[in-house]
Amino acid sequence: MTTYTIRTSQLVPAPIEQVWAFFSRPENLGRITPSSMGFVMKAPVTDLGDGSLIDYTIRPLLGIPAGWRSRIEGWNPPFGFRDVQLKGPYKRWVHTHTLTAVDGGTRVDDVVEYQLPLGPLGRLAHGWLVRPELERIFAYRRYAVDAVFEPVTDAAKAAAKPGVVAVAGGTGFVGGAIARELRRRGRSVVVLSSRGEDARGELPDDIEIRRVNVRTGEGIDVALAGVEDLVISLAFPGSPIEQPKRGNTFMEVDAAGTERLAAVATKAGVKRLVYLSGAGAAKDAKRHWFRAKWRAEEAVRASGCTWTVIRPTWIYGAADVALNRFLGFGRLLPFVPMTSMGRQALAPVFVDDTARLAADSLEQEAAADQVFELGGPETMTMTEIIRRTLRVAGMRRPVMPAPAPLIWMMAHVIALLPNPPITPDAVVFINMPATVDLAPLQARMPRRLTPLEEGLATYLGPTAGR
């Protein structure tokens, strides 16, 4: 039986006691695990120590759930412990966590020794599927830990704009990046989320989360009390795949949710309001998601606050569920399938650039009462974007285009499933071109925008996060 090993090491800029407090809490494992893994703890665990059992569910492959039970061994606060799989997808799994106090913080070393079932089939799956997936999981873990423990300098706190800033949708991909950028600048940040603490993820622990429901308006007035500035970056779960029965639609969340927030913001005394819209938003747009964004923009413009509307193109980054989905296909398959011929023109924008513009818009008068389109500095086809992404990730896979009408028709059948992975509208959404005019933004708020491969290298390259 072949034993495989994964080793990772990471410097965390925090005292060992603080780092231990984080890693010794089982509920934090979900915060540093990719959301695509579907990590769910079956029951809370208290008084963790030698012999403690942890039960959870993961979805490691094609969304198929798998139970996992671990036993804690070698409990040695604050220096380390082992979790040993008793039940799960591996023949053997021993994960040793070691913490060492060093100059600048704490070094966290992970060593995983594992064996696969199924003999020759397991060995075949290891190089093709298992090892790349584990490397992805630990790369995300490194990114999430860096985000959770990112320090804020005293200089940033001293220079920060006074007052509390709220980010509605701040536990999502884009909203979370904006919340962390504002915190990085020394702002006092609160996040508004329908899931509360359950959605904290990689947000640092000193960001307050206030529970609201933008579909009903519940909790918005309390959440905005004492807030000086508001950023609205709403996204419903599974976007762009709408679920009308659950209220997860563009009209209910993006449009009506923003209208509810803007109305309360006026009464609460919010002074500046930034809304993350989308390139293509228009009153008479053919697609309802663009009309929903326009409705939201109108509410922001009528709010009485000093406002800024940002219309980004396709946003990519370490935690996105769009571009990373194509990488997932590349890990599972010998090719990367597409939902179109890949000829649509796009100007993908790095999430960090989006977050910086949102934060700047709260600080600079040049952004007052303005609409800015935002994209990356390069325009290219969808096929070229995927090819470049594969290259940066070190993956050699051909890109397999497909006629969009065929995929659209297939989506009609798939949409009959209780939780469809794709719908006809989602196919149209994914395949739309997205280019912008950057001239108005550069004229009023000049900035360098990150080229695609430079942005990708921050989380996919060989030295990313190391």
Protein backbone atom coordinates (compact mmCIF):
# COMPACT_ATOMS: atom_id res chain seq x y z
CA MET A 1 0.00 0.00 0.00
CA THR A 2 1.55 3.30 -1.14
CA THR A 3 1.69 6.12 1.41
CA TYR A 4 1.60 9.64 0.01
CA THR A 5 2.65 12.82 1.82
CA ILE A 6 1.76 16.50 1.55
CA ARG A 7 3.81 19.11 3.42
CA THR A 8 3.01 22.81 3.70
CA SER A 9 4.43 25.63 5.80
CA GLN A 10 3.10 29.11 6.42
CA LEU A 11 4.12 32.12 8.51
CA VAL A 12 1.18 33.65 10.36
CA PRO A 13 1.83 37.18 11.71
CA ALA A 14 0.29 36.56 15.15
CA PRO A 15 1.38 35.16 18.53
CA ILE A 16 1.30 31.39 18.90
CA GLU A 17 -1.46 31.55 21.52
CA GLN A 18 -3.75 33.40 19.10
CA VAL A 19 -2.95 31.03 16.24
CA TRP A 20 -3.53 28.01 18.46
CA ALA A 21 -6.90 29.40 19.56
CA PHE A 22 -7.93 29.53 15.92
CA PHE A 23 -6.69 26.12 14.75
CA SER A 24 -7.88 24.29 17.85
CA ARG A 25 -11.53 25.22 17.20
CA PRO A 26 -13.08 22.62 14.87
CA GLU A 27 -15.68 25.07 13.53
CA ASN A 28 -12.88 27.11 11.96
CA LEU A 29 -12.03 24.26 9.60
CA GLY A 30 -15.02 25.24 7.48
CA ARG A 31 -13.72 28.81 7.27
CA ILE A 32 -10.46 27.71 5.60
CA THR A 33 -11.96 25.02 3.33
CA PRO A 34 -13.14 25.87 -0.22
CA SER A 35 -16.91 26.33 -0.31
CA SER A 36 -17.04 23.84 -3.20
CA MET A 37 -16.18 21.11 -0.68
CA GLY A 38 -19.53 21.60 1.08
CA PHE A 39 -18.01 21.28 4.57
CA VAL A 40 -20.69 20.88 7.27
CA MET A 41 -20.07 19.85 10.89
CA LYS A 42 -22.73 17.44 12.10
CA ALA A 43 -22.55 18.59 15.73
CA PRO A 44 -20.57 21.20 17.69
CA VAL A 45 -17.51 19.98 19.58
CA THR A 46 -16.49 21.48 22.92
CA ASP A 47 -13.49 20.81 25.16
CA LEU A 48 -11.37 19.48 22.31
CA GLY A 49 -8.53 17.21 23.42
CA ASP A 50 -7.02 13.73 23.13
CA GLY A 51 -9.65 11.28 21.96
CA SER A 52 -12.19 13.90 20.83
CA LEU A 53 -14.28 12.82 17.86
CA ILE A 54 -15.32 15.21 15.07
CA ASP A 55 -18.02 14.26 12.56
CA TYR A 56 -18.66 16.25 9.41
CA THR A 57 -19.80 15.94 5.82
CA ILE A 58 -17.85 16.97 2.74
CA ARG A 59 -18.56 16.86 -0.99
CA PRO A 60 -15.15 16.14 -2.50
CA LEU A 61 -16.27 14.97 -5.95
CA LEU A 62 -19.19 16.03 -8.18
CA GLY A 63 -21.15 17.26 -5.17
CA ILE A 64 -21.54 13.72 -3.79
CA PRO A 65 -21.66 13.85 0.04
CA ALA A 66 -19.24 11.77 2.07
CA GLY A 67 -19.14 11.35 5.83
CA TRP A 68 -15.86 11.90 7.69
CA ARG A 69 -15.00 11.11 11.30
CA SER A 70 -11.71 12.23 12.86
CA ARG A 71 -10.14 11.45 16.21
CA ILE A 72 -7.81 13.97 17.85
CA GLU A 73 -4.47 12.61 19.06
CA GLY A 74 -1.23 14.08 20.42
CA TRP A 75 -3.01 17.12 21.88
CA ASN A 76 -0.21 19.50 22.98
CA PRO A 77 -1.36 23.12 23.45
CA PRO A 78 -0.22 25.46 21.96
CA PHE A 79 2.19 23.44 19.82
CA GLY A 80 0.13 20.96 17.86
CA PHE A 81 -2.08 17.92 17.46
CA ARG A 82 -3.00 15.21 14.96
CA ASP A 83 -6.36 14.45 13.42
CA VAL A 84 -6.71 10.83 12.31
CA GLN A 85 -9.47 9.70 9.96
CA LEU A 86 -11.56 6.90 11.43
CA LYS A 87 -14.19 6.99 8.70
CA GLY A 88 -13.98 8.66 5.32
CA PRO A 89 -12.88 8.41 1.70
CA TYR A 90 -9.24 7.53 2.42
CA LYS A 91 -7.75 4.18 3.42
CA ARG A 92 -5.57 6.11 5.88
CA TRP A 93 -5.32 9.81 6.71
CA VAL A 94 -3.14 11.35 9.45
CA HIS A 95 -2.85 15.15 9.49
CA THR A 96 -0.21 16.55 11.86
CA HIS A 97 -0.50 20.22 12.79
CA THR A 98 2.61 21.84 14.29
CA LEU A 99 2.87 25.43 15.55
CA THR A 100 6.22 27.08 16.31
CA ALA A 101 6.80 30.58 17.69
CA VAL A 102 9.25 32.44 15.43
CA ASP A 103 10.32 36.01 14.74
CA GLY A 104 7.36 37.78 13.16
CA GLY A 105 4.70 35.41 14.44
CA THR A 106 3.99 31.70 14.24
CA ARG A 107 5.09 29.09 11.71
CA VAL A 108 2.31 26.63 10.92
CA ASP A 109 3.48 23.31 9.47
CA ASP A 110 1.07 20.72 8.09
CA VAL A 111 2.06 17.17 7.22
CA VAL A 112 -0.54 14.81 5.81
CA GLU A 113 0.16 11.11 5.28
CA TYR A 114 -2.55 9.30 3.36
CA GLN A 115 -3.33 6.09 1.53
CA LEU A 116 -6.01 5.47 -1.08
CA PRO A 117 -8.40 2.54 -1.43
CA LEU A 118 -9.08 0.53 -4.61
CA GLY A 119 -5.50 -0.59 -5.27
CA PRO A 120 -4.38 0.16 -8.86
CA LEU A 121 -7.44 2.34 -9.46
CA GLY A 122 -6.54 4.42 -6.41
CA ARG A 123 -2.98 4.87 -7.65
CA LEU A 124 -4.29 5.94 -11.05
CA ALA A 125 -6.71 8.43 -9.48
CA HIS A 126 -3.97 9.86 -7.25
CA GLY A 127 -1.97 11.64 -9.93
CA TRP A 128 -4.96 12.49 -12.09
CA LEU A 129 -7.43 13.69 -9.46
CA VAL A 130 -6.61 13.28 -5.76
CA ARG A 131 -3.22 14.99 -5.52
CA PRO A 132 -4.24 18.06 -7.60
CA GLU A 133 -7.41 18.43 -5.54
CA LEU A 134 -5.52 18.24 -2.24
CA GLU A 135 -3.02 20.81 -3.49
CA ARG A 136 -5.93 23.10 -4.41
CA ILE A 137 -7.48 22.67 -0.96
CA PHE A 138 -4.25 23.48 0.85
CA ALA A 139 -3.56 26.45 -1.45
CA TYR A 140 -6.99 27.85 -0.55
CA ARG A 141 -6.30 27.11 3.11
CA ARG A 142 -3.13 29.21 2.90
CA TYR A 143 -5.03 32.06 1.22
CA ALA A 144 -7.83 31.95 3.83
CA VAL A 145 -5.44 31.86 6.80
CA ASP A 146 -3.54 34.85 5.36
CA ALA A 147 -6.85 36.73 5.09
CA VAL A 148 -8.03 35.84 8.60
CA PHE A 149 -4.76 36.94 10.23
CA GLU A 150 -3.90 39.90 8.00
CA PRO A 151 -2.56 42.66 10.29
CA VAL A 152 -3.61 46.31 10.17
CA THR A 153 -0.82 48.83 10.64
CA ASP A 154 -0.95 51.57 13.26
CA ALA A 155 -0.31 54.07 10.46
CA ALA A 156 -3.42 52.88 8.60
CA LYS A 157 -5.54 53.20 11.74
CA ALA A 158 -4.23 56.71 12.39
CA ALA A 159 -4.90 57.86 8.81
CA ALA A 160 -8.30 56.15 8.46
CA LYS A 161 -11.47 58.03 7.68
CA PRO A 162 -13.52 58.18 10.89
CA GLY A 163 -16.85 56.44 11.30
CA VAL A 164 -18.21 52.95 10.78
CA VAL A 165 -18.51 51.54 7.26
CA ALA A 166 -20.95 48.70 6.50
CA VAL A 167 -20.66 46.26 3.61
CA ALA A 168 -23.94 44.61 2.63
CA GLY A 169 -23.07 41.26 1.11
CA GLY A 170 -19.67 41.41 2.80
CA THR A 171 -19.44 37.65 3.32
CA GLY A 172 -19.53 37.05 -0.44
CA PHE A 173 -16.64 36.91 -2.88
CA VAL A 174 -16.63 40.58 -3.95
CA GLY A 175 -18.14 42.05 -0.78
CA GLY A 176 -15.63 40.15 1.36
CA ALA A 177 -12.73 41.58 -0.63
CA ILE A 178 -14.16 45.08 -0.15
CA ALA A 179 -14.59 44.55 3.60
CA ARG A 180 -10.99 43.37 3.95
CA GLU A 181 -9.68 46.30 1.89
CA LEU A 182 -11.53 48.79 4.10
CA ARG A 183 -10.20 47.08 7.23
CA ARG A 184 -6.70 47.16 5.71
CA ARG A 185 -7.09 50.94 5.50
CA GLY A 186 -7.86 51.12 9.21
CA ARG A 187 -11.64 51.56 8.92
CA SER A 188 -14.07 50.18 11.49
CA VAL A 189 -15.96 47.62 9.37
CA VAL A 190 -19.24 45.80 9.89
CA VAL A 191 -20.67 43.31 7.46
CA LEU A 192 -24.37 42.71 6.77
CA SER A 193 -25.27 39.10 5.98
CA SER A 194 -28.38 36.94 6.00
CA ARG A 195 -26.40 34.05 7.50
CA GLY A 196 -24.65 35.94 10.29
CA GLU A 197 -21.60 34.30 11.87
CA ASP A 198 -22.13 31.10 9.89
CA ALA A 199 -20.91 32.99 6.81
CA ARG A 200 -17.76 34.55 8.32
CA GLY A 201 -15.35 32.47 6.24
CA GLU A 202 -12.00 34.20 5.78
CA LEU A 203 -13.16 37.52 7.25
CA PRO A 204 -10.91 38.52 10.18
CA ASP A 205 -12.48 38.07 13.60
CA ASP A 206 -12.46 41.80 14.38
CA ILE A 207 -14.99 42.51 11.60
CA GLU A 208 -18.44 42.58 13.15
CA ILE A 209 -21.21 40.68 11.35
CA ARG A 210 -24.80 41.89 11.66
CA ARG A 211 -27.62 39.66 10.49
CA VAL A 212 -30.09 41.16 8.01
CA ASN A 213 -32.58 39.85 5.46
CA VAL A 214 -32.67 42.09 2.40
CA ARG A 215 -35.57 40.05 0.95
CA THR A 216 -37.87 41.15 3.78
CA GLY A 217 -36.03 44.14 5.23
CA GLU A 218 -35.74 42.43 8.60
CA GLY A 219 -32.86 43.78 10.69
CA ILE A 220 -31.73 46.50 8.26
CA ASP A 221 -32.66 49.44 10.51
CA VAL A 222 -30.77 47.98 13.48
CA ALA A 223 -27.78 46.98 11.32
CA LEU A 224 -27.36 50.48 9.86
CA ALA A 225 -27.59 52.32 13.18
CA GLY A 226 -24.47 54.44 13.61
CA VAL A 227 -23.14 53.66 10.12
CA GLU A 228 -21.37 56.49 8.30
CA ASP A 229 -20.74 54.83 4.90
CA LEU A 230 -22.40 51.90 3.14
CA VAL A 231 -21.19 49.63 0.34
CA ILE A 232 -23.81 47.39 -1.29
CA SER A 233 -22.46 44.27 -3.00
CA LEU A 234 -25.31 41.80 -2.95
CA ALA A 235 -25.29 38.34 -4.51
CA PHE A 236 -27.70 35.50 -3.91
CA PRO A 237 -26.46 31.93 -3.25
CA GLY A 238 -25.58 30.10 -6.46
CA SER A 239 -25.76 33.22 -8.65
CA PRO A 240 -26.46 33.36 -11.58
CA ILE A 241 -28.66 30.27 -11.10
CA GLU A 242 -31.90 31.71 -9.78
CA GLN A 243 -34.19 29.89 -7.34
CA PRO A 244 -37.50 31.81 -7.32
CA LYS A 245 -39.12 29.63 -4.64
CA ARG A 246 -36.35 30.61 -2.22
CA GLY A 247 -36.31 34.28 -3.23
CA ASN A 248 -32.87 33.91 -4.82
CA THR A 249 -33.42 36.03 -7.93
CA PHE A 250 -31.87 39.16 -9.39
CA MET A 251 -35.10 41.11 -8.98
CA GLU A 252 -35.66 40.09 -5.36
CA VAL A 253 -32.07 40.39 -4.11
CA ASP A 254 -30.20 42.82 -6.39
CA ALA A 255 -33.12 45.14 -7.15
CA ALA A 256 -35.55 44.96 -4.21
CA GLY A 257 -32.81 44.22 -1.67
CA THR A 258 -30.85 47.32 -2.69
CA GLU A 259 -34.04 49.40 -2.66
CA ARG A 260 -34.69 48.35 0.95
CA LEU A 261 -31.12 49.10 2.01
CA ALA A 262 -31.06 52.50 0.28
CA ALA A 263 -34.37 53.54 1.83
CA VAL A 264 -33.18 52.74 5.36
CA ALA A 265 -29.74 54.25 4.72
CA THR A 266 -31.37 57.63 4.12
CA LYS A 267 -33.25 57.49 7.44
CA ALA A 268 -30.20 56.17 9.31
CA GLY A 269 -28.06 59.12 8.26
CA VAL A 270 -25.64 57.27 6.00
CA LYS A 271 -23.55 59.89 4.21
CA ARG A 272 -21.84 57.96 1.38
CA LEU A 273 -23.16 55.00 -0.54
CA VAL A 274 -21.31 52.83 -3.07
CA TYR A 275 -23.21 50.27 -5.14
CA LEU A 276 -21.60 47.38 -7.05
CA SER A 277 -23.74 47.09 -10.17
CA GLY A 278 -22.75 45.37 -13.41
CA ALA A 279 -21.53 46.28 -16.89
CA GLY A 280 -24.63 46.40 -19.08
CA ALA A 281 -27.10 47.73 -16.51
CA ALA A 282 -29.86 49.69 -18.28
CA LYS A 283 -33.54 50.48 -17.88
CA ASP A 284 -34.48 48.91 -21.21
CA ALA A 285 -31.92 46.07 -21.18
CA LYS A 286 -33.01 42.85 -22.87
CA ARG A 287 -31.92 40.68 -19.92
CA HIS A 288 -33.73 40.94 -16.62
CA TRP A 289 -30.53 40.84 -14.55
CA PHE A 290 -29.39 44.09 -16.16
CA ARG A 291 -32.80 45.65 -15.52
CA ALA A 292 -32.53 44.53 -11.89
CA LYS A 293 -29.16 46.25 -11.57
CA TRP A 294 -30.65 49.41 -13.10
CA ARG A 295 -33.49 49.39 -10.56
CA ALA A 296 -30.92 49.15 -7.79
CA GLU A 297 -28.90 52.01 -9.29
CA GLU A 298 -32.00 54.21 -9.40
CA ALA A 299 -32.63 53.56 -5.71
CA VAL A 300 -29.03 54.51 -4.89
CA ARG A 301 -29.21 57.70 -6.94
CA ALA A 302 -32.46 58.68 -5.22
CA SER A 303 -31.22 57.88 -1.72
CA GLY A 304 -30.13 61.37 -0.75
CA CYS A 305 -26.63 60.05 0.06
CA THR A 306 -23.52 61.00 -1.87
CA TRP A 307 -23.33 57.99 -4.15
CA THR A 308 -21.05 56.10 -6.53
CA VAL A 309 -22.10 53.30 -8.87
CA ILE A 310 -19.46 50.85 -10.07
CA ARG A 311 -20.27 48.65 -13.07
CA PRO A 312 -17.67 45.88 -13.19
CA THR A 313 -17.22 43.22 -15.85
CA TRP A 314 -16.35 39.64 -14.95
CA ILE A 315 -14.54 39.69 -11.59
CA TYR A 316 -11.99 36.96 -10.86
CA GLY A 317 -9.93 36.03 -7.81
CA ALA A 318 -8.95 33.23 -5.43
CA ALA A 319 -12.49 32.70 -4.11
CA ASP A 320 -14.52 33.20 -7.29
CA VAL A 321 -16.89 30.48 -8.47
CA ALA A 322 -16.73 31.32 -12.17
CA LEU A 323 -13.20 31.13 -13.55
CA ASN A 324 -12.25 28.64 -10.83
CA ARG A 325 -15.03 26.36 -12.06
CA PHE A 326 -13.18 25.92 -15.36
CA LEU A 327 -10.04 25.02 -13.43
CA GLY A 328 -12.13 22.45 -11.58
CA PHE A 329 -13.12 20.90 -14.90
CA GLY A 330 -9.44 20.74 -15.81
CA ARG A 331 -8.67 18.80 -12.64
CA LEU A 332 -11.45 16.29 -13.27
CA LEU A 333 -11.25 15.90 -17.04
CA PRO A 334 -8.56 15.61 -19.71
CA PHE A 335 -10.04 18.75 -21.31
CA VAL A 336 -11.88 21.90 -20.23
CA PRO A 337 -15.46 22.10 -21.58
CA MET A 338 -17.08 25.43 -22.37
CA THR A 339 -20.68 26.59 -22.67
CA SER A 340 -20.09 28.40 -25.96
CA MET A 341 -17.60 28.68 -28.79
CA GLY A 342 -15.63 31.04 -26.54
CA ARG A 343 -15.50 33.97 -28.95
CA GLN A 344 -17.22 36.54 -26.70
CA ALA A 345 -15.00 39.50 -25.75
CA LEU A 346 -14.33 40.08 -22.07
CA ALA A 347 -12.19 42.39 -19.96
CA PRO A 348 -11.85 40.45 -16.68
CA VAL A 349 -11.06 42.57 -13.64
CA PHE A 350 -9.10 41.43 -10.58
CA VAL A 351 -11.14 41.43 -7.38
CA ASP A 352 -8.47 43.45 -5.56
CA ASP A 353 -8.83 46.25 -8.14
CA THR A 354 -12.59 46.21 -7.57
CA ALA A 355 -12.16 46.41 -3.80
CA ARG A 356 -9.69 49.29 -4.07
CA LEU A 357 -12.03 51.31 -6.29
CA ALA A 358 -14.94 50.75 -3.90
CA ALA A 359 -12.82 51.91 -0.95
CA ASP A 360 -11.45 54.90 -2.89
CA SER A 361 -14.99 55.90 -3.82
CA LEU A 362 -15.82 56.40 -0.15
CA GLU A 363 -12.79 58.64 0.33
CA GLN A 364 -12.36 60.73 -2.83
CA GLU A 365 -14.61 63.58 -3.90
CA ALA A 366 -13.86 62.71 -7.53
CA ALA A 367 -16.18 59.71 -7.08
CA ALA A 368 -19.14 61.70 -5.77
CA ASP A 369 -22.35 61.06 -7.74
CA GLN A 370 -20.54 59.22 -10.52
CA VAL A 371 -21.05 56.01 -12.50
CA PHE A 372 -17.84 54.17 -13.37
CA GLU A 373 -17.46 51.17 -15.64
CA LEU A 374 -14.66 48.89 -14.46
CA GLY A 375 -12.75 46.18 -16.26
CA GLY A 376 -9.24 44.87 -16.61
CA PRO A 377 -6.63 46.50 -18.84
CA GLU A 378 -6.87 43.71 -21.44
CA THR A 379 -9.73 42.60 -23.65
CA MET A 380 -9.67 39.03 -24.95
CA THR A 381 -11.92 36.14 -25.84
CA MET A 382 -13.27 33.71 -23.28
CA THR A 383 -11.15 30.95 -24.79
CA GLU A 384 -8.00 33.02 -24.36
CA ILE A 385 -8.88 33.78 -20.72
CA ILE A 386 -9.23 30.07 -19.93
CA ARG A 387 -6.02 29.19 -21.77
CA ARG A 388 -4.05 31.80 -19.87
CA THR A 389 -5.55 30.65 -16.59
CA LEU A 390 -4.57 27.05 -17.27
CA ARG A 391 -1.06 28.16 -18.15
CA VAL A 392 -0.60 30.14 -14.93
CA ALA A 393 -1.96 27.17 -12.95
CA GLY A 394 0.52 24.84 -14.65
CA MET A 395 -2.22 22.71 -16.22
CA ARG A 396 -1.97 21.38 -19.76
CA ARG A 397 -5.51 20.85 -20.99
CA PRO A 398 -7.14 21.54 -24.36
CA VAL A 399 -10.14 23.88 -24.27
CA MET A 400 -13.25 22.28 -25.75
CA PRO A 401 -15.78 24.81 -27.12
CA ALA A 402 -19.42 23.88 -27.69
CA PRO A 403 -22.31 25.51 -29.54
CA ALA A 404 -24.15 27.72 -27.06
CA PRO A 405 -27.63 26.81 -28.44
CA LEU A 406 -26.92 23.12 -27.75
CA ILE A 407 -25.84 23.86 -24.17
CA TRP A 408 -28.89 26.10 -23.74
CA MET A 409 -31.23 23.30 -24.82
CA MET A 410 -29.50 20.82 -22.52
CA ALA A 411 -29.90 23.29 -19.67
CA HIS A 412 -33.69 23.19 -20.14
CA VAL A 413 -33.62 19.50 -19.20
CA ILE A 414 -31.12 19.96 -16.37
CA ALA A 415 -33.25 22.77 -14.95
CA LEU A 416 -35.93 20.22 -14.04
CA LEU A 417 -33.67 18.90 -11.23
CA PRO A 418 -34.42 20.05 -7.65
CA ASN A 419 -31.07 21.93 -7.44
CA PRO A 420 -29.90 22.32 -11.04
CA PRO A 421 -26.20 23.12 -11.59
CA ILE A 422 -27.13 25.15 -14.67
CA THR A 423 -30.23 26.80 -16.12
CA PRO A 424 -30.98 28.30 -19.55
CA ASP A 425 -30.73 31.85 -18.18
CA ALA A 426 -27.42 31.00 -16.50
CA VAL A 427 -26.04 29.77 -19.85
CA VAL A 428 -26.96 33.11 -21.44
CA PHE A 429 -25.49 35.01 -18.47
CA ILE A 430 -22.18 33.12 -18.61
CA ASN A 431 -21.82 33.51 -22.37
CA MET A 432 -22.46 37.26 -22.63
CA PRO A 433 -19.64 39.57 -23.73
CA ALA A 434 -18.50 42.11 -21.13
CA THR A 435 -16.36 45.04 -22.21
CA VAL A 436 -16.27 48.54 -20.78
CA ASP A 437 -15.11 52.10 -21.39
CA LEU A 438 -12.43 52.88 -18.81
CA ALA A 439 -11.85 56.47 -19.97
CA PRO A 440 -14.27 58.18 -17.53
CA LEU A 441 -12.78 56.27 -14.58
CA GLN A 442 -9.17 56.99 -15.57
CA ALA A 443 -9.99 60.67 -16.16
CA ARG A 444 -11.43 61.21 -12.66
CA MET A 445 -9.66 58.53 -10.60
CA PRO A 446 -6.48 57.42 -12.42
CA ARG A 447 -5.19 53.98 -11.40
CA ARG A 448 -3.21 50.97 -12.52
CA LEU A 449 -5.38 47.95 -13.28
CA THR A 450 -3.94 44.47 -12.90
CA PRO A 451 -3.24 42.42 -16.07
CA LEU A 452 -4.91 39.01 -16.06
CA GLU A 453 -1.86 36.80 -15.64
CA GLU A 454 -0.43 39.04 -12.92
CA GLY A 455 -3.66 38.75 -10.94
CA LEU A 456 -3.88 35.00 -11.49
CA ALA A 457 -0.29 34.52 -10.32
CA THR A 458 -1.15 35.89 -6.87
CA TYR A 459 -3.15 32.74 -6.11
CA LEU A 460 -2.39 30.20 -8.87
CA GLY A 461 1.31 30.70 -9.51
CA PRO A 462 4.07 28.47 -8.07
CA THR A 463 4.92 30.96 -5.31
CA ALA A 464 1.38 32.14 -4.54
CA GLY A 465 0.82 32.57 -0.84
CA ARG A 466 4.25 31.25 0.10
